[in-house]
Amino acid sequence: MNADRWLVVGLGNPDAEYGGTRHNVGAEAVQTLARRLGVALSPNRRVGCVVAQGRRGDARLVLARPLSYMNESGGPVQRAARWFKVAPQRIVAVHDDLDLDVGEIRLKRGGGSGGHRGLADIDRRLSIRDYHRVRIGIGRPPGRMDPRDYVLRPFSREQRETIDVSLEEACDAVLVLVHDGLEVAQNRFHRRSP
């Protein structure tokens, strides 16, 4: 395993069908981080992701976005971790979270999937839950709307403005996490409100 390498995975569905939807904010964050690091994501069929490699200080980052649907994220994440020799404890999954207000950023290590099927598939394929998560709030569905329908819809104009700022903050959170550790990142980003 590479002790200085991190795998940062942005979860989402294929853009052709679901680009710009709430469920794709994790994938958008990784694309934003790739632009910030000056690297381009390109397909790696062996791992089933688009990937790019970059550096931030001493940390080597492998950015990945599975080419599969959200609910099948585990296989590509597992293959990318093997291919790039990254221990599960150095994986960062960036994903949407219904239980956080729109734009809110939270970080944690381990825990359950909270009903998020992409995380559940990663848990199953890695056989552990001890990886990092950067959660981007998308809010709860209005009224009695089915959460499955809600996550596959685009943001309102006002929400989109908030999310665009939050994508940058999620990138900052990833970089602080890999450079300074989880506790420092939590202290910095858990105090902010969107």
N, C-alpha and C. Protein backbone atom coordinates (compact mmCIF):
# COMPACT_ATOMS: atom_id res chain seq x y z
N MET A 1 0.83 -1.19 0.00
CA MET A 1 0.00 0.00 0.00
C MET A 1 0.88 1.25 0.00
N ASN A 2 0.40 2.30 -0.61
CA ASN A 2 1.12 3.57 -0.65
C ASN A 2 0.68 4.43 0.52
N ALA A 3 1.60 4.72 1.44
CA ALA A 3 1.27 5.43 2.66
C ALA A 3 0.92 6.88 2.43
N ASP A 4 1.37 7.46 1.30
CA ASP A 4 1.10 8.87 1.07
C ASP A 4 -0.01 9.10 0.04
N ARG A 5 -0.66 8.05 -0.41
CA ARG A 5 -1.67 8.16 -1.47
C ARG A 5 -3.08 8.06 -0.89
N TRP A 6 -3.96 8.92 -1.38
CA TRP A 6 -5.37 8.94 -1.00
C TRP A 6 -6.22 8.71 -2.25
N LEU A 7 -7.32 7.99 -2.11
CA LEU A 7 -8.29 7.81 -3.17
C LEU A 7 -9.52 8.62 -2.82
N VAL A 8 -9.82 9.64 -3.62
CA VAL A 8 -10.97 10.50 -3.40
C VAL A 8 -12.00 10.17 -4.47
N VAL A 9 -13.14 9.62 -4.04
CA VAL A 9 -14.16 9.13 -4.95
C VAL A 9 -15.40 10.00 -4.88
N GLY A 10 -15.83 10.51 -6.01
CA GLY A 10 -17.06 11.29 -6.08
C GLY A 10 -18.19 10.41 -6.58
N LEU A 11 -19.22 10.25 -5.76
CA LEU A 11 -20.33 9.36 -6.12
C LEU A 11 -21.39 10.10 -6.92
N GLY A 12 -21.96 9.38 -7.86
CA GLY A 12 -23.03 9.94 -8.70
C GLY A 12 -23.48 8.93 -9.72
N ASN A 13 -24.39 9.35 -10.57
CA ASN A 13 -24.89 8.56 -11.68
C ASN A 13 -24.32 9.13 -12.97
N PRO A 14 -24.43 8.40 -14.09
CA PRO A 14 -23.91 8.91 -15.36
C PRO A 14 -24.52 10.27 -15.72
N ASP A 15 -23.66 11.21 -16.13
CA ASP A 15 -24.10 12.56 -16.44
C ASP A 15 -25.08 12.63 -17.60
N ALA A 16 -24.95 11.72 -18.56
CA ALA A 16 -25.83 11.77 -19.72
C ALA A 16 -27.30 11.74 -19.30
N GLU A 17 -27.61 11.00 -18.25
CA GLU A 17 -28.99 10.90 -17.76
C GLU A 17 -29.25 11.76 -16.54
N TYR A 18 -28.23 11.95 -15.68
CA TYR A 18 -28.48 12.53 -14.37
C TYR A 18 -27.57 13.72 -14.02
N GLY A 19 -26.88 14.28 -14.99
CA GLY A 19 -26.02 15.42 -14.71
C GLY A 19 -26.80 16.57 -14.08
N GLY A 20 -26.23 17.20 -13.07
CA GLY A 20 -26.86 18.34 -12.41
C GLY A 20 -27.90 18.00 -11.36
N THR A 21 -28.11 16.71 -11.11
CA THR A 21 -29.10 16.32 -10.11
C THR A 21 -28.47 16.29 -8.72
N ARG A 22 -29.32 16.24 -7.72
CA ARG A 22 -28.85 16.22 -6.33
C ARG A 22 -27.94 15.03 -6.03
N HIS A 23 -28.25 13.90 -6.63
CA HIS A 23 -27.49 12.68 -6.36
C HIS A 23 -26.07 12.75 -6.91
N ASN A 24 -25.79 13.72 -7.77
CA ASN A 24 -24.49 13.80 -8.43
C ASN A 24 -23.54 14.81 -7.82
N VAL A 25 -23.87 15.39 -6.66
CA VAL A 25 -22.99 16.42 -6.12
C VAL A 25 -21.62 15.88 -5.73
N GLY A 26 -21.53 14.63 -5.32
CA GLY A 26 -20.22 14.06 -4.99
C GLY A 26 -19.34 13.99 -6.22
N ALA A 27 -19.90 13.54 -7.33
CA ALA A 27 -19.16 13.49 -8.59
C ALA A 27 -18.76 14.89 -9.04
N GLU A 28 -19.66 15.85 -8.88
CA GLU A 28 -19.34 17.24 -9.24
C GLU A 28 -18.19 17.78 -8.40
N ALA A 29 -18.16 17.43 -7.11
CA ALA A 29 -17.08 17.90 -6.24
C ALA A 29 -15.73 17.37 -6.70
N VAL A 30 -15.68 16.11 -7.11
CA VAL A 30 -14.41 15.55 -7.58
C VAL A 30 -14.00 16.19 -8.90
N GLN A 31 -14.95 16.49 -9.76
CA GLN A 31 -14.62 17.20 -11.00
C GLN A 31 -14.08 18.60 -10.69
N THR A 32 -14.67 19.26 -9.71
CA THR A 32 -14.21 20.58 -9.29
C THR A 32 -12.80 20.49 -8.72
N LEU A 33 -12.53 19.46 -7.92
CA LEU A 33 -11.20 19.28 -7.34
C LEU A 33 -10.17 18.99 -8.44
N ALA A 34 -10.54 18.22 -9.44
CA ALA A 34 -9.62 17.95 -10.56
C ALA A 34 -9.25 19.25 -11.27
N ARG A 35 -10.24 20.11 -11.53
CA ARG A 35 -9.96 21.40 -12.16
C ARG A 35 -9.03 22.24 -11.28
N ARG A 36 -9.29 22.23 -9.99
CA ARG A 36 -8.48 23.02 -9.07
C ARG A 36 -7.03 22.53 -9.06
N LEU A 37 -6.81 21.22 -9.15
CA LEU A 37 -5.46 20.66 -9.13
C LEU A 37 -4.81 20.69 -10.51
N GLY A 38 -5.58 21.10 -11.53
CA GLY A 38 -5.04 21.19 -12.88
C GLY A 38 -4.82 19.85 -13.54
N VAL A 39 -5.69 18.88 -13.21
CA VAL A 39 -5.60 17.55 -13.83
C VAL A 39 -6.92 17.23 -14.50
N ALA A 40 -6.86 16.36 -15.50
CA ALA A 40 -8.07 15.98 -16.24
C ALA A 40 -8.45 14.54 -15.94
N LEU A 41 -9.71 14.33 -15.65
CA LEU A 41 -10.23 12.97 -15.44
C LEU A 41 -10.33 12.27 -16.79
N SER A 42 -9.85 11.03 -16.84
CA SER A 42 -9.95 10.26 -18.08
C SER A 42 -10.32 8.81 -17.74
N PRO A 43 -10.98 8.12 -18.66
CA PRO A 43 -11.46 6.77 -18.37
C PRO A 43 -10.33 5.78 -18.10
N ASN A 44 -10.52 4.97 -17.08
CA ASN A 44 -9.66 3.83 -16.80
C ASN A 44 -10.60 2.63 -16.74
N ARG A 45 -10.67 1.90 -17.83
CA ARG A 45 -11.62 0.79 -17.94
C ARG A 45 -11.31 -0.34 -16.96
N ARG A 46 -10.05 -0.48 -16.56
CA ARG A 46 -9.70 -1.55 -15.63
C ARG A 46 -10.38 -1.37 -14.28
N VAL A 47 -10.57 -0.11 -13.87
CA VAL A 47 -11.19 0.13 -12.57
C VAL A 47 -12.65 0.58 -12.70
N GLY A 48 -13.09 0.91 -13.91
CA GLY A 48 -14.48 1.32 -14.11
C GLY A 48 -14.76 2.73 -13.62
N CYS A 49 -13.77 3.61 -13.72
CA CYS A 49 -13.91 5.00 -13.28
C CYS A 49 -13.21 5.92 -14.28
N VAL A 50 -13.58 7.19 -14.23
CA VAL A 50 -12.69 8.21 -14.79
C VAL A 50 -11.79 8.61 -13.64
N VAL A 51 -10.49 8.77 -13.93
CA VAL A 51 -9.52 9.02 -12.86
C VAL A 51 -8.53 10.10 -13.27
N ALA A 52 -7.92 10.70 -12.27
CA ALA A 52 -6.82 11.63 -12.46
C ALA A 52 -5.95 11.55 -11.21
N GLN A 53 -4.68 11.84 -11.38
CA GLN A 53 -3.77 11.85 -10.23
C GLN A 53 -3.17 13.24 -10.10
N GLY A 54 -3.05 13.68 -8.85
CA GLY A 54 -2.48 14.99 -8.58
C GLY A 54 -1.82 15.00 -7.23
N ARG A 55 -1.23 16.13 -6.90
CA ARG A 55 -0.56 16.30 -5.62
C ARG A 55 -1.06 17.56 -4.95
N ARG A 56 -1.07 17.51 -3.63
CA ARG A 56 -1.29 18.70 -2.82
C ARG A 56 -0.35 18.57 -1.64
N GLY A 57 0.71 19.35 -1.64
CA GLY A 57 1.72 19.21 -0.61
C GLY A 57 2.35 17.83 -0.70
N ASP A 58 2.43 17.14 0.44
CA ASP A 58 3.02 15.80 0.47
C ASP A 58 2.03 14.72 0.05
N ALA A 59 0.75 15.05 -0.04
CA ALA A 59 -0.28 14.05 -0.34
C ALA A 59 -0.40 13.82 -1.84
N ARG A 60 -0.42 12.54 -2.20
CA ARG A 60 -0.70 12.17 -3.59
C ARG A 60 -2.18 11.78 -3.64
N LEU A 61 -2.91 12.37 -4.56
CA LEU A 61 -4.35 12.14 -4.66
C LEU A 61 -4.69 11.42 -5.95
N VAL A 62 -5.49 10.38 -5.82
CA VAL A 62 -6.11 9.75 -6.97
C VAL A 62 -7.58 10.16 -6.90
N LEU A 63 -8.03 10.91 -7.90
CA LEU A 63 -9.42 11.32 -7.97
C LEU A 63 -10.14 10.34 -8.88
N ALA A 64 -11.32 9.90 -8.44
CA ALA A 64 -12.06 8.91 -9.22
C ALA A 64 -13.55 9.19 -9.17
N ARG A 65 -14.17 8.88 -10.29
CA ARG A 65 -15.62 8.94 -10.38
C ARG A 65 -16.08 7.68 -11.08
N PRO A 66 -16.82 6.81 -10.37
CA PRO A 66 -17.27 5.57 -11.01
C PRO A 66 -18.11 5.85 -12.26
N LEU A 67 -17.93 5.00 -13.27
CA LEU A 67 -18.72 5.10 -14.49
C LEU A 67 -20.06 4.39 -14.35
N SER A 68 -20.24 3.69 -13.26
CA SER A 68 -21.47 2.93 -13.00
C SER A 68 -22.56 3.84 -12.45
N TYR A 69 -23.71 3.24 -12.21
CA TYR A 69 -24.77 3.93 -11.49
C TYR A 69 -24.42 3.97 -10.01
N MET A 70 -25.01 4.92 -9.31
CA MET A 70 -24.73 5.13 -7.89
C MET A 70 -24.79 3.83 -7.08
N ASN A 71 -25.85 3.05 -7.28
CA ASN A 71 -26.07 1.86 -6.48
C ASN A 71 -25.05 0.76 -6.73
N GLU A 72 -24.20 0.95 -7.75
CA GLU A 72 -23.17 -0.04 -8.09
C GLU A 72 -21.77 0.56 -7.93
N SER A 73 -21.62 1.50 -7.01
CA SER A 73 -20.34 2.20 -6.81
C SER A 73 -19.27 1.33 -6.18
N GLY A 74 -19.66 0.32 -5.43
CA GLY A 74 -18.70 -0.47 -4.66
C GLY A 74 -17.64 -1.16 -5.50
N GLY A 75 -18.04 -1.77 -6.61
CA GLY A 75 -17.08 -2.48 -7.46
C GLY A 75 -15.99 -1.55 -7.99
N PRO A 76 -16.36 -0.43 -8.61
CA PRO A 76 -15.32 0.49 -9.09
C PRO A 76 -14.43 1.03 -7.97
N VAL A 77 -15.00 1.33 -6.82
CA VAL A 77 -14.19 1.83 -5.70
C VAL A 77 -13.21 0.75 -5.25
N GLN A 78 -13.68 -0.47 -5.12
CA GLN A 78 -12.81 -1.58 -4.71
C GLN A 78 -11.68 -1.78 -5.73
N ARG A 79 -12.02 -1.77 -7.03
CA ARG A 79 -11.00 -1.97 -8.07
C ARG A 79 -9.99 -0.82 -8.10
N ALA A 80 -10.48 0.42 -7.92
CA ALA A 80 -9.57 1.57 -7.91
C ALA A 80 -8.62 1.50 -6.72
N ALA A 81 -9.14 1.11 -5.55
CA ALA A 81 -8.30 1.00 -4.36
C ALA A 81 -7.21 -0.05 -4.57
N ARG A 82 -7.57 -1.16 -5.20
CA ARG A 82 -6.58 -2.22 -5.47
C ARG A 82 -5.54 -1.75 -6.50
N TRP A 83 -6.04 -1.19 -7.59
CA TRP A 83 -5.17 -0.78 -8.70
C TRP A 83 -4.14 0.26 -8.25
N PHE A 84 -4.60 1.24 -7.46
CA PHE A 84 -3.72 2.32 -7.02
C PHE A 84 -3.09 2.04 -5.65
N LYS A 85 -3.35 0.84 -5.10
CA LYS A 85 -2.76 0.40 -3.84
C LYS A 85 -3.04 1.36 -2.69
N VAL A 86 -4.34 1.65 -2.51
CA VAL A 86 -4.79 2.55 -1.45
C VAL A 86 -5.54 1.74 -0.40
N ALA A 87 -5.13 1.86 0.85
CA ALA A 87 -5.82 1.18 1.95
C ALA A 87 -7.21 1.80 2.15
N PRO A 88 -8.20 1.00 2.55
CA PRO A 88 -9.55 1.54 2.75
C PRO A 88 -9.59 2.74 3.69
N GLN A 89 -8.70 2.80 4.67
CA GLN A 89 -8.68 3.91 5.62
C GLN A 89 -8.23 5.22 4.97
N ARG A 90 -7.73 5.14 3.73
CA ARG A 90 -7.29 6.34 3.01
C ARG A 90 -8.19 6.62 1.81
N ILE A 91 -9.40 6.07 1.86
CA ILE A 91 -10.42 6.37 0.85
C ILE A 91 -11.32 7.47 1.41
N VAL A 92 -11.64 8.43 0.55
CA VAL A 92 -12.58 9.51 0.90
C VAL A 92 -13.73 9.44 -0.10
N ALA A 93 -14.92 9.11 0.37
CA ALA A 93 -16.11 9.10 -0.48
C ALA A 93 -16.82 10.44 -0.31
N VAL A 94 -17.03 11.14 -1.41
CA VAL A 94 -17.73 12.42 -1.40
C VAL A 94 -19.12 12.16 -1.97
N HIS A 95 -20.15 12.52 -1.20
CA HIS A 95 -21.51 12.12 -1.60
C HIS A 95 -22.58 13.08 -1.08
N ASP A 96 -23.76 12.94 -1.64
CA ASP A 96 -24.93 13.71 -1.22
C ASP A 96 -25.49 13.14 0.08
N ASP A 97 -26.17 14.02 0.85
CA ASP A 97 -26.76 13.58 2.10
C ASP A 97 -28.10 14.28 2.32
N LEU A 98 -29.17 13.50 2.36
CA LEU A 98 -30.52 14.01 2.57
C LEU A 98 -30.73 14.60 3.96
N ASP A 99 -29.96 14.16 4.93
CA ASP A 99 -30.17 14.57 6.31
C ASP A 99 -29.47 15.88 6.67
N LEU A 100 -28.79 16.49 5.71
CA LEU A 100 -28.15 17.78 5.93
C LEU A 100 -28.84 18.85 5.08
N ASP A 101 -28.90 20.06 5.62
CA ASP A 101 -29.48 21.17 4.86
C ASP A 101 -28.68 21.38 3.58
N VAL A 102 -29.33 21.97 2.58
CA VAL A 102 -28.69 22.20 1.28
C VAL A 102 -27.40 23.00 1.48
N GLY A 103 -26.30 22.42 1.01
CA GLY A 103 -25.01 23.07 1.05
C GLY A 103 -24.18 22.81 2.28
N GLU A 104 -24.75 22.20 3.31
CA GLU A 104 -24.00 21.93 4.54
C GLU A 104 -22.96 20.85 4.27
N ILE A 105 -21.76 21.02 4.85
CA ILE A 105 -20.66 20.07 4.67
C ILE A 105 -20.36 19.42 6.02
N ARG A 106 -20.25 18.10 6.03
CA ARG A 106 -19.87 17.36 7.23
C ARG A 106 -18.89 16.26 6.82
N LEU A 107 -17.98 15.96 7.73
CA LEU A 107 -16.99 14.91 7.50
C LEU A 107 -17.09 13.89 8.62
N LYS A 108 -16.82 12.64 8.28
CA LYS A 108 -16.75 11.60 9.30
C LYS A 108 -15.94 10.44 8.77
N ARG A 109 -15.60 9.55 9.67
CA ARG A 109 -14.93 8.31 9.30
C ARG A 109 -15.78 7.16 9.81
N GLY A 110 -16.05 6.22 8.95
CA GLY A 110 -16.84 5.06 9.33
C GLY A 110 -18.31 5.39 9.51
N GLY A 111 -19.02 4.45 10.10
CA GLY A 111 -20.45 4.62 10.31
C GLY A 111 -21.27 3.88 9.28
N GLY A 112 -22.58 4.00 9.43
CA GLY A 112 -23.49 3.32 8.52
C GLY A 112 -23.70 4.10 7.24
N SER A 113 -24.50 3.50 6.37
CA SER A 113 -24.76 4.13 5.08
C SER A 113 -25.90 5.15 5.15
N GLY A 114 -26.71 5.11 6.23
CA GLY A 114 -27.82 6.05 6.35
C GLY A 114 -28.84 5.91 5.23
N GLY A 115 -28.94 4.72 4.65
CA GLY A 115 -29.88 4.51 3.56
C GLY A 115 -29.33 4.89 2.19
N HIS A 116 -28.09 5.38 2.14
CA HIS A 116 -27.46 5.77 0.87
C HIS A 116 -26.96 4.50 0.19
N ARG A 117 -27.56 4.16 -0.93
CA ARG A 117 -27.25 2.87 -1.56
C ARG A 117 -25.85 2.81 -2.16
N GLY A 118 -25.31 3.95 -2.57
CA GLY A 118 -23.94 3.97 -3.06
C GLY A 118 -22.96 3.61 -1.95
N LEU A 119 -23.16 4.22 -0.77
CA LEU A 119 -22.30 3.89 0.37
C LEU A 119 -22.50 2.44 0.80
N ALA A 120 -23.75 1.98 0.79
CA ALA A 120 -24.02 0.59 1.19
C ALA A 120 -23.28 -0.39 0.28
N ASP A 121 -23.22 -0.08 -1.02
CA ASP A 121 -22.52 -0.96 -1.94
C ASP A 121 -21.01 -0.90 -1.71
N ILE A 122 -20.48 0.27 -1.39
CA ILE A 122 -19.06 0.37 -1.06
C ILE A 122 -18.76 -0.43 0.20
N ASP A 123 -19.59 -0.27 1.23
CA ASP A 123 -19.42 -1.03 2.47
C ASP A 123 -19.36 -2.53 2.18
N ARG A 124 -20.28 -2.98 1.35
CA ARG A 124 -20.38 -4.41 1.03
C ARG A 124 -19.14 -4.90 0.28
N ARG A 125 -18.70 -4.13 -0.71
CA ARG A 125 -17.57 -4.57 -1.53
C ARG A 125 -16.23 -4.47 -0.80
N LEU A 126 -16.08 -3.44 0.06
CA LEU A 126 -14.83 -3.31 0.82
C LEU A 126 -14.81 -4.18 2.06
N SER A 127 -15.99 -4.63 2.49
CA SER A 127 -16.16 -5.43 3.71
C SER A 127 -15.76 -4.66 4.97
N ILE A 128 -15.69 -3.35 4.87
CA ILE A 128 -15.45 -2.50 6.03
C ILE A 128 -16.20 -1.18 5.82
N ARG A 129 -16.35 -0.44 6.90
CA ARG A 129 -16.96 0.89 6.81
C ARG A 129 -15.97 1.97 7.23
N ASP A 130 -14.74 1.58 7.48
CA ASP A 130 -13.75 2.47 8.08
C ASP A 130 -13.04 3.32 7.02
N TYR A 131 -13.81 4.05 6.23
CA TYR A 131 -13.25 5.00 5.28
C TYR A 131 -13.88 6.36 5.57
N HIS A 132 -13.28 7.39 5.02
CA HIS A 132 -13.74 8.75 5.27
C HIS A 132 -14.89 9.12 4.33
N ARG A 133 -15.73 10.02 4.81
CA ARG A 133 -16.84 10.51 4.00
C ARG A 133 -16.89 12.03 4.11
N VAL A 134 -17.06 12.69 2.99
CA VAL A 134 -17.36 14.12 2.95
C VAL A 134 -18.78 14.21 2.43
N ARG A 135 -19.67 14.65 3.31
CA ARG A 135 -21.11 14.66 3.03
C ARG A 135 -21.54 16.07 2.62
N ILE A 136 -22.25 16.16 1.51
CA ILE A 136 -22.75 17.44 1.02
C ILE A 136 -24.27 17.42 1.13
N GLY A 137 -24.81 18.34 1.93
CA GLY A 137 -26.25 18.36 2.17
C GLY A 137 -27.05 18.74 0.95
N ILE A 138 -28.12 17.98 0.72
CA ILE A 138 -29.05 18.30 -0.38
C ILE A 138 -30.45 18.57 0.15
N GLY A 139 -30.64 18.48 1.48
CA GLY A 139 -31.95 18.75 2.08
C GLY A 139 -32.93 17.60 1.93
N ARG A 140 -34.03 17.71 2.65
CA ARG A 140 -35.08 16.69 2.62
C ARG A 140 -36.08 17.00 1.50
N PRO A 141 -36.72 15.98 0.95
CA PRO A 141 -37.74 16.23 -0.07
C PRO A 141 -38.95 16.95 0.53
N PRO A 142 -39.58 17.79 -0.27
CA PRO A 142 -40.76 18.50 0.24
C PRO A 142 -41.97 17.57 0.36
N GLY A 143 -42.80 17.86 1.34
CA GLY A 143 -44.05 17.11 1.51
C GLY A 143 -43.82 15.62 1.58
N ARG A 144 -44.57 14.91 0.77
CA ARG A 144 -44.49 13.45 0.76
C ARG A 144 -43.75 12.91 -0.46
N MET A 145 -42.95 13.75 -1.09
CA MET A 145 -42.19 13.31 -2.26
C MET A 145 -41.28 12.15 -1.88
N ASP A 146 -41.24 11.15 -2.72
CA ASP A 146 -40.37 10.00 -2.51
C ASP A 146 -38.91 10.46 -2.60
N PRO A 147 -38.09 10.12 -1.61
CA PRO A 147 -36.67 10.51 -1.66
C PRO A 147 -35.97 10.04 -2.92
N ARG A 148 -36.36 8.88 -3.47
CA ARG A 148 -35.72 8.39 -4.70
C ARG A 148 -35.99 9.32 -5.88
N ASP A 149 -37.18 9.93 -5.91
CA ASP A 149 -37.48 10.90 -6.97
C ASP A 149 -36.74 12.21 -6.72
N TYR A 150 -36.69 12.61 -5.47
CA TYR A 150 -36.08 13.88 -5.09
C TYR A 150 -34.60 13.95 -5.46
N VAL A 151 -33.85 12.88 -5.16
CA VAL A 151 -32.41 12.92 -5.40
C VAL A 151 -32.08 12.95 -6.88
N LEU A 152 -33.01 12.54 -7.73
CA LEU A 152 -32.75 12.51 -9.17
C LEU A 152 -33.25 13.76 -9.88
N ARG A 153 -33.62 14.79 -9.12
CA ARG A 153 -34.06 16.06 -9.69
C ARG A 153 -32.97 17.11 -9.54
N PRO A 154 -32.98 18.10 -10.44
CA PRO A 154 -32.00 19.19 -10.30
C PRO A 154 -32.37 20.13 -9.16
N PHE A 155 -31.39 20.92 -8.74
CA PHE A 155 -31.61 21.92 -7.71
C PHE A 155 -32.38 23.11 -8.27
N SER A 156 -33.07 23.82 -7.40
CA SER A 156 -33.66 25.10 -7.80
C SER A 156 -32.53 26.08 -8.07
N ARG A 157 -32.83 27.22 -8.67
CA ARG A 157 -31.80 28.21 -8.98
C ARG A 157 -31.08 28.68 -7.71
N GLU A 158 -31.85 28.97 -6.65
CA GLU A 158 -31.22 29.44 -5.41
C GLU A 158 -30.36 28.34 -4.79
N GLN A 159 -30.89 27.11 -4.80
CA GLN A 159 -30.12 26.00 -4.24
C GLN A 159 -28.85 25.76 -5.05
N ARG A 160 -28.93 25.93 -6.37
CA ARG A 160 -27.76 25.71 -7.23
C ARG A 160 -26.65 26.68 -6.86
N GLU A 161 -27.01 27.93 -6.58
CA GLU A 161 -26.00 28.91 -6.17
C GLU A 161 -25.32 28.48 -4.88
N THR A 162 -26.11 27.99 -3.92
CA THR A 162 -25.57 27.51 -2.65
C THR A 162 -24.66 26.31 -2.88
N ILE A 163 -25.12 25.37 -3.70
CA ILE A 163 -24.35 24.15 -3.97
C ILE A 163 -23.04 24.47 -4.67
N ASP A 164 -23.03 25.42 -5.59
CA ASP A 164 -21.78 25.77 -6.27
C ASP A 164 -20.72 26.24 -5.27
N VAL A 165 -21.13 27.01 -4.26
CA VAL A 165 -20.20 27.42 -3.21
C VAL A 165 -19.78 26.21 -2.38
N SER A 166 -20.75 25.35 -2.07
CA SER A 166 -20.47 24.17 -1.24
C SER A 166 -19.54 23.18 -1.94
N LEU A 167 -19.59 23.11 -3.26
CA LEU A 167 -18.66 22.23 -3.98
C LEU A 167 -17.22 22.68 -3.74
N GLU A 168 -17.00 23.98 -3.75
CA GLU A 168 -15.66 24.51 -3.47
C GLU A 168 -15.27 24.19 -2.03
N GLU A 169 -16.22 24.35 -1.11
CA GLU A 169 -15.94 24.04 0.30
C GLU A 169 -15.67 22.55 0.49
N ALA A 170 -16.38 21.70 -0.25
CA ALA A 170 -16.12 20.26 -0.15
C ALA A 170 -14.70 19.94 -0.62
N CYS A 171 -14.25 20.63 -1.67
CA CYS A 171 -12.86 20.44 -2.12
C CYS A 171 -11.89 20.89 -1.04
N ASP A 172 -12.16 22.04 -0.43
CA ASP A 172 -11.31 22.50 0.68
C ASP A 172 -11.29 21.47 1.79
N ALA A 173 -12.46 20.90 2.10
CA ALA A 173 -12.57 19.92 3.18
C ALA A 173 -11.73 18.68 2.88
N VAL A 174 -11.76 18.21 1.65
CA VAL A 174 -10.95 17.05 1.26
C VAL A 174 -9.47 17.36 1.45
N LEU A 175 -9.04 18.53 0.99
CA LEU A 175 -7.63 18.88 1.07
C LEU A 175 -7.16 19.05 2.51
N VAL A 176 -8.00 19.64 3.36
CA VAL A 176 -7.65 19.75 4.78
C VAL A 176 -7.60 18.36 5.42
N LEU A 177 -8.56 17.52 5.08
CA LEU A 177 -8.59 16.15 5.62
C LEU A 177 -7.31 15.39 5.32
N VAL A 178 -6.89 15.39 4.05
CA VAL A 178 -5.72 14.59 3.69
C VAL A 178 -4.43 15.23 4.18
N HIS A 179 -4.41 16.53 4.38
CA HIS A 179 -3.18 17.20 4.81
C HIS A 179 -3.07 17.30 6.33
N ASP A 180 -4.19 17.64 6.99
CA ASP A 180 -4.15 17.93 8.43
C ASP A 180 -4.91 16.93 9.29
N GLY A 181 -5.69 16.04 8.69
CA GLY A 181 -6.42 15.04 9.45
C GLY A 181 -7.89 15.37 9.65
N LEU A 182 -8.62 14.35 10.08
CA LEU A 182 -10.07 14.45 10.20
C LEU A 182 -10.50 15.47 11.24
N GLU A 183 -9.89 15.44 12.40
CA GLU A 183 -10.33 16.33 13.48
C GLU A 183 -10.18 17.80 13.10
N VAL A 184 -9.06 18.14 12.48
CA VAL A 184 -8.85 19.53 12.05
C VAL A 184 -9.91 19.90 11.01
N ALA A 185 -10.16 19.01 10.06
CA ALA A 185 -11.16 19.28 9.02
C ALA A 185 -12.56 19.44 9.63
N GLN A 186 -12.91 18.58 10.57
CA GLN A 186 -14.22 18.70 11.22
C GLN A 186 -14.33 20.03 11.96
N ASN A 187 -13.30 20.40 12.70
CA ASN A 187 -13.34 21.66 13.44
C ASN A 187 -13.50 22.85 12.51
N ARG A 188 -12.90 22.78 11.37
CA ARG A 188 -12.99 23.90 10.43
C ARG A 188 -14.33 23.96 9.70
N PHE A 189 -14.83 22.83 9.25
CA PHE A 189 -15.99 22.85 8.36
C PHE A 189 -17.31 22.60 9.06
N HIS A 190 -17.31 22.01 10.24
CA HIS A 190 -18.57 21.78 10.94
C HIS A 190 -19.12 23.05 11.57
N ARG A 191 -18.33 24.07 11.69
CA ARG A 191 -18.81 25.34 12.26
C ARG A 191 -19.49 26.21 11.23
N ARG A 192 -19.23 25.94 9.97
CA ARG A 192 -19.77 26.79 8.91
C ARG A 192 -21.22 26.44 8.63
N SER A 193 -21.95 27.43 8.20
CA SER A 193 -23.31 27.17 7.69
C SER A 193 -23.35 27.67 6.27
N PRO A 194 -24.14 27.05 5.42
CA PRO A 194 -24.14 27.44 4.00
C PRO A 194 -24.66 28.86 3.81
